[in-house]
Amino acid sequence: HHTRELATWLGTRDEWSEAWNRSSDMSDWTLSLTPERALDLIHEM
């Protein structure tokens, strides 16, 4: 479902305003965490 939502956005982003195109995000990070710190990150997000 997440993949379909992202693919739909990528396929229709030209139908959205410039403001919405600037306000969308597709990011990722690689971190080195312990399981406890990963859980803290999840709760904070």
ModelCIF file with pLDDT and N, C-alpha, C, O atoms, coordinates in Angstrom:
data_MODEL
#
_entry.id   MODEL 
#
_entity.id                         1 
_entity.type                       polymer 
_entity.pdbx_number_of_molecules   1 
#
_entity_poly.entity_id                      1 
_entity_poly.type                           'polypeptide(L)' 
_entity_poly.nstd_linkage                   no 
_entity_poly.nstd_monomer                   no 
_entity_poly.pdbx_seq_one_letter_code       HHTRELATWLGTRDEWSEAWNRSSDMSDWTLSLTPERALDLIHEM 
_entity_poly.pdbx_seq_one_letter_code_can   HHTRELATWLGTRDEWSEAWNRSSDMSDWTLSLTPERALDLIHEM 
_entity_poly.pdbx_strand_id                 A 
#
loop_
_entity_poly_seq.entity_id 
_entity_poly_seq.num 
_entity_poly_seq.mon_id 
_entity_poly_seq.hetero 
1 1  HIS n 
1 2  HIS n 
1 3  THR n 
1 4  ARG n 
1 5  GLU n 
1 6  LEU n 
1 7  ALA n 
1 8  THR n 
1 9  TRP n 
1 10 LEU n 
1 11 GLY n 
1 12 THR n 
1 13 ARG n 
1 14 ASP n 
1 15 GLU n 
1 16 TRP n 
1 17 SER n 
1 18 GLU n 
1 19 ALA n 
1 20 TRP n 
1 21 ASN n 
1 22 ARG n 
1 23 SER n 
1 24 SER n 
1 25 ASP n 
1 26 MET n 
1 27 SER n 
1 28 ASP n 
1 29 TRP n 
1 30 THR n 
1 31 LEU n 
1 32 SER n 
1 33 LEU n 
1 34 THR n 
1 35 PRO n 
1 36 GLU n 
1 37 ARG n 
1 38 ALA n 
1 39 LEU n 
1 40 ASP n 
1 41 LEU n 
1 42 ILE n 
1 43 HIS n 
1 44 GLU n 
1 45 MET n 
#
_struct_asym.id          A 
_struct_asym.entity_id   1 
#
loop_
_ma_qa_metric.id 
_ma_qa_metric.mode 
_ma_qa_metric.name 
_ma_qa_metric.software_group_id 
_ma_qa_metric.type 
1 global pLDDT . pLDDT 
2 local  pLDDT . pLDDT 
#
_ma_qa_metric_global.metric_id      1 
_ma_qa_metric_global.metric_value   95.62 
_ma_qa_metric_global.model_id       1 
_ma_qa_metric_global.ordinal_id     1 
#
loop_
_ma_qa_metric_local.label_asym_id 
_ma_qa_metric_local.label_comp_id 
_ma_qa_metric_local.label_seq_id 
_ma_qa_metric_local.metric_id 
_ma_qa_metric_local.metric_value 
_ma_qa_metric_local.model_id 
_ma_qa_metric_local.ordinal_id 
A HIS 1  2 93.00 1 1  
A HIS 2  2 94.00 1 2  
A THR 3  2 96.00 1 3  
A ARG 4  2 96.00 1 4  
A GLU 5  2 95.00 1 5  
A LEU 6  2 95.00 1 6  
A ALA 7  2 96.00 1 7  
A THR 8  2 96.00 1 8  
A TRP 9  2 95.00 1 9  
A LEU 10 2 96.00 1 10 
A GLY 11 2 96.00 1 11 
A THR 12 2 96.00 1 12 
A ARG 13 2 96.00 1 13 
A ASP 14 2 96.00 1 14 
A GLU 15 2 96.00 1 15 
A TRP 16 2 96.00 1 16 
A SER 17 2 94.00 1 17 
A GLU 18 2 96.00 1 18 
A ALA 19 2 95.00 1 19 
A TRP 20 2 95.00 1 20 
A ASN 21 2 96.00 1 21 
A ARG 22 2 96.00 1 22 
A SER 23 2 95.00 1 23 
A SER 24 2 96.00 1 24 
A ASP 25 2 95.00 1 25 
A MET 26 2 94.00 1 26 
A SER 27 2 95.00 1 27 
A ASP 28 2 95.00 1 28 
A TRP 29 2 95.00 1 29 
A THR 30 2 96.00 1 30 
A LEU 31 2 96.00 1 31 
A SER 32 2 95.00 1 32 
A LEU 33 2 97.00 1 33 
A THR 34 2 97.00 1 34 
A PRO 35 2 96.00 1 35 
A GLU 36 2 97.00 1 36 
A ARG 37 2 98.00 1 37 
A ALA 38 2 97.00 1 38 
A LEU 39 2 95.00 1 39 
A ASP 40 2 97.00 1 40 
A LEU 41 2 97.00 1 41 
A ILE 42 2 94.00 1 42 
A HIS 43 2 94.00 1 43 
A GLU 44 2 97.00 1 44 
A MET 45 2 95.00 1 45 
#
loop_
_atom_site.group_PDB 
_atom_site.id 
_atom_site.type_symbol 
_atom_site.label_atom_id 
_atom_site.label_alt_id 
_atom_site.label_comp_id 
_atom_site.label_asym_id 
_atom_site.label_entity_id 
_atom_site.label_seq_id 
_atom_site.pdbx_PDB_ins_code 
_atom_site.Cartn_x 
_atom_site.Cartn_y 
_atom_site.Cartn_z 
_atom_site.occupancy 
_atom_site.B_iso_or_equiv 
_atom_site.pdbx_formal_charge 
_atom_site.auth_seq_id 
_atom_site.auth_comp_id 
_atom_site.auth_asym_id 
_atom_site.auth_atom_id 
_atom_site.pdbx_PDB_model_num 
ATOM 1   N N  . HIS A 1 1  ? 0.829  -1.200 0.000   1.00 93.00 ? 1  HIS A N  1 
ATOM 2   C CA . HIS A 1 1  ? 0.000  0.000  0.000   1.00 93.00 ? 1  HIS A CA 1 
ATOM 3   C C  . HIS A 1 1  ? 0.869  1.258  0.000   1.00 93.00 ? 1  HIS A C  1 
ATOM 4   O O  . HIS A 1 1  ? 0.583  2.213  -0.722  1.00 93.00 ? 1  HIS A O  1 
ATOM 5   N N  . HIS A 1 2  ? 1.924  1.257  0.804   1.00 94.00 ? 2  HIS A N  1 
ATOM 6   C CA . HIS A 1 2  ? 2.851  2.390  0.819   1.00 94.00 ? 2  HIS A CA 1 
ATOM 7   C C  . HIS A 1 2  ? 3.477  2.579  -0.566  1.00 94.00 ? 2  HIS A C  1 
ATOM 8   O O  . HIS A 1 2  ? 3.604  3.706  -1.047  1.00 94.00 ? 2  HIS A O  1 
ATOM 9   N N  . THR A 1 3  ? 3.862  1.483  -1.196  1.00 96.00 ? 3  THR A N  1 
ATOM 10  C CA . THR A 1 3  ? 4.451  1.555  -2.541  1.00 96.00 ? 3  THR A CA 1 
ATOM 11  C C  . THR A 1 3  ? 3.462  2.148  -3.536  1.00 96.00 ? 3  THR A C  1 
ATOM 12  O O  . THR A 1 3  ? 3.834  2.988  -4.356  1.00 96.00 ? 3  THR A O  1 
ATOM 13  N N  . ARG A 1 4  ? 2.188  1.711  -3.471  1.00 96.00 ? 4  ARG A N  1 
ATOM 14  C CA . ARG A 1 4  ? 1.163  2.249  -4.380  1.00 96.00 ? 4  ARG A CA 1 
ATOM 15  C C  . ARG A 1 4  ? 0.940  3.746  -4.158  1.00 96.00 ? 4  ARG A C  1 
ATOM 16  O O  . ARG A 1 4  ? 0.809  4.505  -5.118  1.00 96.00 ? 4  ARG A O  1 
ATOM 17  N N  . GLU A 1 5  ? 0.896  4.168  -2.887  1.00 95.00 ? 5  GLU A N  1 
ATOM 18  C CA . GLU A 1 5  ? 0.705  5.595  -2.613  1.00 95.00 ? 5  GLU A CA 1 
ATOM 19  C C  . GLU A 1 5  ? 1.863  6.424  -3.154  1.00 95.00 ? 5  GLU A C  1 
ATOM 20  O O  . GLU A 1 5  ? 1.645  7.481  -3.748  1.00 95.00 ? 5  GLU A O  1 
ATOM 21  N N  . LEU A 1 6  ? 3.076  5.962  -2.958  1.00 95.00 ? 6  LEU A N  1 
ATOM 22  C CA . LEU A 1 6  ? 4.241  6.679  -3.463  1.00 95.00 ? 6  LEU A CA 1 
ATOM 23  C C  . LEU A 1 6  ? 4.255  6.699  -4.987  1.00 95.00 ? 6  LEU A C  1 
ATOM 24  O O  . LEU A 1 6  ? 4.533  7.737  -5.587  1.00 95.00 ? 6  LEU A O  1 
ATOM 25  N N  . ALA A 1 7  ? 3.959  5.570  -5.617  1.00 96.00 ? 7  ALA A N  1 
ATOM 26  C CA . ALA A 1 7  ? 3.916  5.507  -7.081  1.00 96.00 ? 7  ALA A CA 1 
ATOM 27  C C  . ALA A 1 7  ? 2.828  6.421  -7.643  1.00 96.00 ? 7  ALA A C  1 
ATOM 28  O O  . ALA A 1 7  ? 3.021  7.051  -8.682  1.00 96.00 ? 7  ALA A O  1 
ATOM 29  N N  . THR A 1 8  ? 1.689  6.494  -6.962  1.00 96.00 ? 8  THR A N  1 
ATOM 30  C CA . THR A 1 8  ? 0.618  7.392  -7.405  1.00 96.00 ? 8  THR A CA 1 
ATOM 31  C C  . THR A 1 8  ? 1.082  8.838  -7.335  1.00 96.00 ? 8  THR A C  1 
ATOM 32  O O  . THR A 1 8  ? 0.827  9.612  -8.258  1.00 96.00 ? 8  THR A O  1 
ATOM 33  N N  . TRP A 1 9  ? 1.758  9.215  -6.254  1.00 95.00 ? 9  TRP A N  1 
ATOM 34  C CA . TRP A 1 9  ? 2.280  10.581 -6.142  1.00 95.00 ? 9  TRP A CA 1 
ATOM 35  C C  . TRP A 1 9  ? 3.272  10.876 -7.281  1.00 95.00 ? 9  TRP A C  1 
ATOM 36  O O  . TRP A 1 9  ? 3.188  11.915 -7.934  1.00 95.00 ? 9  TRP A O  1 
ATOM 37  N N  . LEU A 1 10 ? 4.200  9.956  -7.503  1.00 96.00 ? 10 LEU A N  1 
ATOM 38  C CA . LEU A 1 10 ? 5.201  10.177 -8.547  1.00 96.00 ? 10 LEU A CA 1 
ATOM 39  C C  . LEU A 1 10 ? 4.550  10.300 -9.924  1.00 96.00 ? 10 LEU A C  1 
ATOM 40  O O  . LEU A 1 10 ? 5.012  11.073 -10.763 1.00 96.00 ? 10 LEU A O  1 
ATOM 41  N N  . GLY A 1 11 ? 3.490  9.550  -10.155 1.00 96.00 ? 11 GLY A N  1 
ATOM 42  C CA . GLY A 1 11 ? 2.818  9.586  -11.448 1.00 96.00 ? 11 GLY A CA 1 
ATOM 43  C C  . GLY A 1 11 ? 1.888  10.768 -11.642 1.00 96.00 ? 11 GLY A C  1 
ATOM 44  O O  . GLY A 1 11 ? 1.509  11.082 -12.771 1.00 96.00 ? 11 GLY A O  1 
ATOM 45  N N  . THR A 1 12 ? 1.515  11.430 -10.550 1.00 96.00 ? 12 THR A N  1 
ATOM 46  C CA . THR A 1 12 ? 0.544  12.532 -10.668 1.00 96.00 ? 12 THR A CA 1 
ATOM 47  C C  . THR A 1 12 ? 1.062  13.855 -10.132 1.00 96.00 ? 12 THR A C  1 
ATOM 48  O O  . THR A 1 12 ? 0.302  14.819 -10.048 1.00 96.00 ? 12 THR A O  1 
ATOM 49  N N  . ARG A 1 13 ? 2.339  13.928 -9.764  1.00 96.00 ? 13 ARG A N  1 
ATOM 50  C CA . ARG A 1 13 ? 2.831  15.155 -9.133  1.00 96.00 ? 13 ARG A CA 1 
ATOM 51  C C  . ARG A 1 13 ? 2.738  16.379 -10.033 1.00 96.00 ? 13 ARG A C  1 
ATOM 52  O O  . ARG A 1 13 ? 2.665  17.502 -9.534  1.00 96.00 ? 13 ARG A O  1 
ATOM 53  N N  . ASP A 1 14 ? 2.740  16.185 -11.355 1.00 96.00 ? 14 ASP A N  1 
ATOM 54  C CA . ASP A 1 14 ? 2.600  17.338 -12.255 1.00 96.00 ? 14 ASP A CA 1 
ATOM 55  C C  . ASP A 1 14 ? 1.186  17.920 -12.232 1.00 96.00 ? 14 ASP A C  1 
ATOM 56  O O  . ASP A 1 14 ? 0.961  19.009 -12.760 1.00 96.00 ? 14 ASP A O  1 
ATOM 57  N N  . GLU A 1 15 ? 0.229  17.206 -11.624 1.00 96.00 ? 15 GLU A N  1 
ATOM 58  C CA . GLU A 1 15 ? -1.141 17.700 -11.492 1.00 96.00 ? 15 GLU A CA 1 
ATOM 59  C C  . GLU A 1 15 ? -1.308 18.565 -10.239 1.00 96.00 ? 15 GLU A C  1 
ATOM 60  O O  . GLU A 1 15 ? -2.360 19.176 -10.047 1.00 96.00 ? 15 GLU A O  1 
ATOM 61  N N  . TRP A 1 16 ? -0.285 18.622 -9.389  1.00 96.00 ? 16 TRP A N  1 
ATOM 62  C CA . TRP A 1 16 ? -0.342 19.368 -8.145  1.00 96.00 ? 16 TRP A CA 1 
ATOM 63  C C  . TRP A 1 16 ? 0.343  20.720 -8.309  1.00 96.00 ? 16 TRP A C  1 
ATOM 64  O O  . TRP A 1 16 ? 1.159  20.910 -9.210  1.00 96.00 ? 16 TRP A O  1 
ATOM 65  N N  . SER A 1 17 ? 0.006  21.639 -7.442  1.00 94.00 ? 17 SER A N  1 
ATOM 66  C CA . SER A 1 17 ? 0.587  22.983 -7.486  1.00 94.00 ? 17 SER A CA 1 
ATOM 67  C C  . SER A 1 17 ? 2.082  22.933 -7.171  1.00 94.00 ? 17 SER A C  1 
ATOM 68  O O  . SER A 1 17 ? 2.582  21.958 -6.610  1.00 94.00 ? 17 SER A O  1 
ATOM 69  N N  . GLU A 1 18 ? 2.770  23.988 -7.539  1.00 96.00 ? 18 GLU A N  1 
ATOM 70  C CA . GLU A 1 18 ? 4.198  24.099 -7.224  1.00 96.00 ? 18 GLU A CA 1 
ATOM 71  C C  . GLU A 1 18 ? 4.401  24.079 -5.708  1.00 96.00 ? 18 GLU A C  1 
ATOM 72  O O  . GLU A 1 18 ? 5.381  23.517 -5.219  1.00 96.00 ? 18 GLU A O  1 
ATOM 73  N N  . ALA A 1 19 ? 3.485  24.686 -4.973  1.00 95.00 ? 19 ALA A N  1 
ATOM 74  C CA . ALA A 1 19 ? 3.594  24.691 -3.510  1.00 95.00 ? 19 ALA A CA 1 
ATOM 75  C C  . ALA A 1 19 ? 3.575  23.267 -2.962  1.00 95.00 ? 19 ALA A C  1 
ATOM 76  O O  . ALA A 1 19 ? 4.364  22.940 -2.075  1.00 95.00 ? 19 ALA A O  1 
ATOM 77  N N  . TRP A 1 20 ? 2.677  22.408 -3.482  1.00 95.00 ? 20 TRP A N  1 
ATOM 78  C CA . TRP A 1 20 ? 2.628  21.027 -3.011  1.00 95.00 ? 20 TRP A CA 1 
ATOM 79  C C  . TRP A 1 20 ? 3.830  20.237 -3.497  1.00 95.00 ? 20 TRP A C  1 
ATOM 80  O O  . TRP A 1 20 ? 4.293  19.346 -2.784  1.00 95.00 ? 20 TRP A O  1 
ATOM 81  N N  . ASN A 1 21 ? 4.351  20.524 -4.675  1.00 96.00 ? 21 ASN A N  1 
ATOM 82  C CA . ASN A 1 21 ? 5.559  19.839 -5.132  1.00 96.00 ? 21 ASN A CA 1 
ATOM 83  C C  . ASN A 1 21 ? 6.752  20.201 -4.251  1.00 96.00 ? 21 ASN A C  1 
ATOM 84  O O  . ASN A 1 21 ? 7.580  19.340 -3.953  1.00 96.00 ? 21 ASN A O  1 
ATOM 85  N N  . ARG A 1 22 ? 6.850  21.459 -3.833  1.00 96.00 ? 22 ARG A N  1 
ATOM 86  C CA . ARG A 1 22 ? 7.934  21.868 -2.917  1.00 96.00 ? 22 ARG A CA 1 
ATOM 87  C C  . ARG A 1 22 ? 7.742  21.265 -1.536  1.00 96.00 ? 22 ARG A C  1 
ATOM 88  O O  . ARG A 1 22 ? 8.716  21.071 -0.808  1.00 96.00 ? 22 ARG A O  1 
ATOM 89  N N  . SER A 1 23 ? 6.498  20.962 -1.160  1.00 95.00 ? 23 SER A N  1 
ATOM 90  C CA . SER A 1 23 ? 6.184  20.505 0.190   1.00 95.00 ? 23 SER A CA 1 
ATOM 91  C C  . SER A 1 23 ? 6.101  18.991 0.315   1.00 95.00 ? 23 SER A C  1 
ATOM 92  O O  . SER A 1 23 ? 5.694  18.483 1.360   1.00 95.00 ? 23 SER A O  1 
ATOM 93  N N  . SER A 1 24 ? 6.474  18.271 -0.714  1.00 96.00 ? 24 SER A N  1 
ATOM 94  C CA . SER A 1 24 ? 6.520  16.807 -0.631  1.00 96.00 ? 24 SER A CA 1 
ATOM 95  C C  . SER A 1 24 ? 7.949  16.386 -0.322  1.00 96.00 ? 24 SER A C  1 
ATOM 96  O O  . SER A 1 24 ? 8.889  17.156 -0.522  1.00 96.00 ? 24 SER A O  1 
ATOM 97  N N  . ASP A 1 25 ? 8.108  15.171 0.160   1.00 95.00 ? 25 ASP A N  1 
ATOM 98  C CA . ASP A 1 25 ? 9.440  14.722 0.550   1.00 95.00 ? 25 ASP A CA 1 
ATOM 99  C C  . ASP A 1 25 ? 9.560  13.216 0.362   1.00 95.00 ? 25 ASP A C  1 
ATOM 100 O O  . ASP A 1 25 ? 8.629  12.462 0.648   1.00 95.00 ? 25 ASP A O  1 
ATOM 101 N N  . MET A 1 26 ? 10.701 12.801 -0.116  1.00 94.00 ? 26 MET A N  1 
ATOM 102 C CA . MET A 1 26 ? 11.036 11.386 -0.199  1.00 94.00 ? 26 MET A CA 1 
ATOM 103 C C  . MET A 1 26 ? 12.500 11.283 0.216   1.00 94.00 ? 26 MET A C  1 
ATOM 104 O O  . MET A 1 26 ? 13.400 11.495 -0.597  1.00 94.00 ? 26 MET A O  1 
ATOM 105 N N  . SER A 1 27 ? 12.727 10.960 1.475   1.00 95.00 ? 27 SER A N  1 
ATOM 106 C CA . SER A 1 27 ? 14.072 10.964 2.043   1.00 95.00 ? 27 SER A CA 1 
ATOM 107 C C  . SER A 1 27 ? 14.364 9.635  2.718   1.00 95.00 ? 27 SER A C  1 
ATOM 108 O O  . SER A 1 27 ? 13.451 8.878  3.049   1.00 95.00 ? 27 SER A O  1 
ATOM 109 N N  . ASP A 1 28 ? 15.634 9.363  2.917   1.00 95.00 ? 28 ASP A N  1 
ATOM 110 C CA . ASP A 1 28 ? 16.030 8.241  3.751   1.00 95.00 ? 28 ASP A CA 1 
ATOM 111 C C  . ASP A 1 28 ? 17.392 8.521  4.358   1.00 95.00 ? 28 ASP A C  1 
ATOM 112 O O  . ASP A 1 28 ? 18.188 9.293  3.825   1.00 95.00 ? 28 ASP A O  1 
ATOM 113 N N  . TRP A 1 29 ? 17.637 7.876  5.480   1.00 95.00 ? 29 TRP A N  1 
ATOM 114 C CA . TRP A 1 29 ? 18.886 8.014  6.203   1.00 95.00 ? 29 TRP A CA 1 
ATOM 115 C C  . TRP A 1 29 ? 19.347 6.639  6.640   1.00 95.00 ? 29 TRP A C  1 
ATOM 116 O O  . TRP A 1 29 ? 18.527 5.745  6.847   1.00 95.00 ? 29 TRP A O  1 
ATOM 117 N N  . THR A 1 30 ? 20.642 6.462  6.782   1.00 96.00 ? 30 THR A N  1 
ATOM 118 C CA . THR A 1 30 ? 21.200 5.253  7.384   1.00 96.00 ? 30 THR A CA 1 
ATOM 119 C C  . THR A 1 30 ? 21.869 5.680  8.689   1.00 96.00 ? 30 THR A C  1 
ATOM 120 O O  . THR A 1 30 ? 22.783 6.503  8.685   1.00 96.00 ? 30 THR A O  1 
ATOM 121 N N  . LEU A 1 31 ? 21.415 5.125  9.783   1.00 96.00 ? 31 LEU A N  1 
ATOM 122 C CA . LEU A 1 31 ? 21.920 5.446  11.114  1.00 96.00 ? 31 LEU A CA 1 
ATOM 123 C C  . LEU A 1 31 ? 22.480 4.194  11.762  1.00 96.00 ? 31 LEU A C  1 
ATOM 124 O O  . LEU A 1 31 ? 22.113 3.080  11.386  1.00 96.00 ? 31 LEU A O  1 
ATOM 125 N N  . SER A 1 32 ? 23.354 4.364  12.721  1.00 95.00 ? 32 SER A N  1 
ATOM 126 C CA . SER A 1 32 ? 23.837 3.249  13.542  1.00 95.00 ? 32 SER A CA 1 
ATOM 127 C C  . SER A 1 32 ? 23.216 3.411  14.919  1.00 95.00 ? 32 SER A C  1 
ATOM 128 O O  . SER A 1 32 ? 23.579 4.321  15.664  1.00 95.00 ? 32 SER A O  1 
ATOM 129 N N  . LEU A 1 33 ? 22.271 2.522  15.263  1.00 97.00 ? 33 LEU A N  1 
ATOM 130 C CA . LEU A 1 33 ? 21.523 2.630  16.510  1.00 97.00 ? 33 LEU A CA 1 
ATOM 131 C C  . LEU A 1 33 ? 21.435 1.290  17.217  1.00 97.00 ? 33 LEU A C  1 
ATOM 132 O O  . LEU A 1 33 ? 21.535 0.231  16.597  1.00 97.00 ? 33 LEU A O  1 
ATOM 133 N N  . THR A 1 34 ? 21.249 1.357  18.509  1.00 97.00 ? 34 THR A N  1 
ATOM 134 C CA . THR A 1 34 ? 20.900 0.160  19.275  1.00 97.00 ? 34 THR A CA 1 
ATOM 135 C C  . THR A 1 34 ? 19.388 -0.041 19.133  1.00 97.00 ? 34 THR A C  1 
ATOM 136 O O  . THR A 1 34 ? 18.687 0.886  18.727  1.00 97.00 ? 34 THR A O  1 
ATOM 137 N N  . PRO A 1 35 ? 18.875 -1.223 19.456  1.00 96.00 ? 35 PRO A N  1 
ATOM 138 C CA . PRO A 1 35 ? 17.422 -1.409 19.418  1.00 96.00 ? 35 PRO A CA 1 
ATOM 139 C C  . PRO A 1 35 ? 16.680 -0.389 20.302  1.00 96.00 ? 35 PRO A C  1 
ATOM 140 O O  . PRO A 1 35 ? 15.601 0.080  19.940  1.00 96.00 ? 35 PRO A O  1 
ATOM 141 N N  . GLU A 1 36 ? 17.257 -0.056 21.443  1.00 97.00 ? 36 GLU A N  1 
ATOM 142 C CA . GLU A 1 36 ? 16.612 0.901  22.344  1.00 97.00 ? 36 GLU A CA 1 
ATOM 143 C C  . GLU A 1 36 ? 16.537 2.290  21.713  1.00 97.00 ? 36 GLU A C  1 
ATOM 144 O O  . GLU A 1 36 ? 15.506 2.957  21.797  1.00 97.00 ? 36 GLU A O  1 
ATOM 145 N N  . ARG A 1 37 ? 17.627 2.727  21.083  1.00 98.00 ? 37 ARG A N  1 
ATOM 146 C CA . ARG A 1 37 ? 17.640 4.051  20.431  1.00 98.00 ? 37 ARG A CA 1 
ATOM 147 C C  . ARG A 1 37 ? 16.704 4.059  19.215  1.00 98.00 ? 37 ARG A C  1 
ATOM 148 O O  . ARG A 1 37 ? 16.065 5.073  18.935  1.00 98.00 ? 37 ARG A O  1 
ATOM 149 N N  . ALA A 1 38 ? 16.620 2.936  18.496  1.00 97.00 ? 38 ALA A N  1 
ATOM 150 C CA . ALA A 1 38 ? 15.690 2.854  17.363  1.00 97.00 ? 38 ALA A CA 1 
ATOM 151 C C  . ALA A 1 38 ? 14.253 3.003  17.858  1.00 97.00 ? 38 ALA A C  1 
ATOM 152 O O  . ALA A 1 38 ? 13.446 3.685  17.227  1.00 97.00 ? 38 ALA A O  1 
ATOM 153 N N  . LEU A 1 39 ? 13.935 2.367  18.983  1.00 95.00 ? 39 LEU A N  1 
ATOM 154 C CA . LEU A 1 39 ? 12.594 2.485  19.551  1.00 95.00 ? 39 LEU A CA 1 
ATOM 155 C C  . LEU A 1 39 ? 12.318 3.918  20.002  1.00 95.00 ? 39 LEU A C  1 
ATOM 156 O O  . LEU A 1 39 ? 11.214 4.427  19.811  1.00 95.00 ? 39 LEU A O  1 
ATOM 157 N N  . ASP A 1 40 ? 13.315 4.569  20.597  1.00 97.00 ? 40 ASP A N  1 
ATOM 158 C CA . ASP A 1 40 ? 13.167 5.986  20.965  1.00 97.00 ? 40 ASP A CA 1 
ATOM 159 C C  . ASP A 1 40 ? 12.863 6.833  19.727  1.00 97.00 ? 40 ASP A C  1 
ATOM 160 O O  . ASP A 1 40 ? 11.992 7.702  19.763  1.00 97.00 ? 40 ASP A O  1 
ATOM 161 N N  . LEU A 1 41 ? 13.576 6.579  18.649  1.00 97.00 ? 41 LEU A N  1 
ATOM 162 C CA . LEU A 1 41 ? 13.361 7.314  17.398  1.00 97.00 ? 41 LEU A CA 1 
ATOM 163 C C  . LEU A 1 41 ? 11.931 7.121  16.896  1.00 97.00 ? 41 LEU A C  1 
ATOM 164 O O  . LEU A 1 41 ? 11.268 8.076  16.491  1.00 97.00 ? 41 LEU A O  1 
ATOM 165 N N  . ILE A 1 42 ? 11.469 5.875  16.929  1.00 94.00 ? 42 ILE A N  1 
ATOM 166 C CA . ILE A 1 42 ? 10.096 5.581  16.479  1.00 94.00 ? 42 ILE A CA 1 
ATOM 167 C C  . ILE A 1 42 ? 9.085  6.371  17.314  1.00 94.00 ? 42 ILE A C  1 
ATOM 168 O O  . ILE A 1 42 ? 8.188  7.009  16.763  1.00 94.00 ? 42 ILE A O  1 
ATOM 169 N N  . HIS A 1 43 ? 9.229  6.328  18.631  1.00 94.00 ? 43 HIS A N  1 
ATOM 170 C CA . HIS A 1 43 ? 8.285  7.038  19.502  1.00 94.00 ? 43 HIS A CA 1 
ATOM 171 C C  . HIS A 1 43 ? 8.330  8.547  19.254  1.00 94.00 ? 43 HIS A C  1 
ATOM 172 O O  . HIS A 1 43 ? 7.287  9.200  19.220  1.00 94.00 ? 43 HIS A O  1 
ATOM 173 N N  . GLU A 1 44 ? 9.521  9.097  19.083  1.00 97.00 ? 44 GLU A N  1 
ATOM 174 C CA . GLU A 1 44 ? 9.638  10.538 18.829  1.00 97.00 ? 44 GLU A CA 1 
ATOM 175 C C  . GLU A 1 44 ? 9.023  10.921 17.477  1.00 97.00 ? 44 GLU A C  1 
ATOM 176 O O  . GLU A 1 44 ? 8.373  11.960 17.365  1.00 97.00 ? 44 GLU A O  1 
ATOM 177 N N  . MET A 1 45 ? 9.225  10.085 16.453  1.00 95.00 ? 45 MET A N  1 
ATOM 178 C CA . MET A 1 45 ? 8.605  10.373 15.148  1.00 95.00 ? 45 MET A CA 1 
ATOM 179 C C  . MET A 1 45 ? 7.092  10.318 15.262  1.00 95.00 ? 45 MET A C  1 
ATOM 180 O O  . MET A 1 45 ? 6.391  10.532 14.273  1.00 95.00 ? 45 MET A O  1 
#
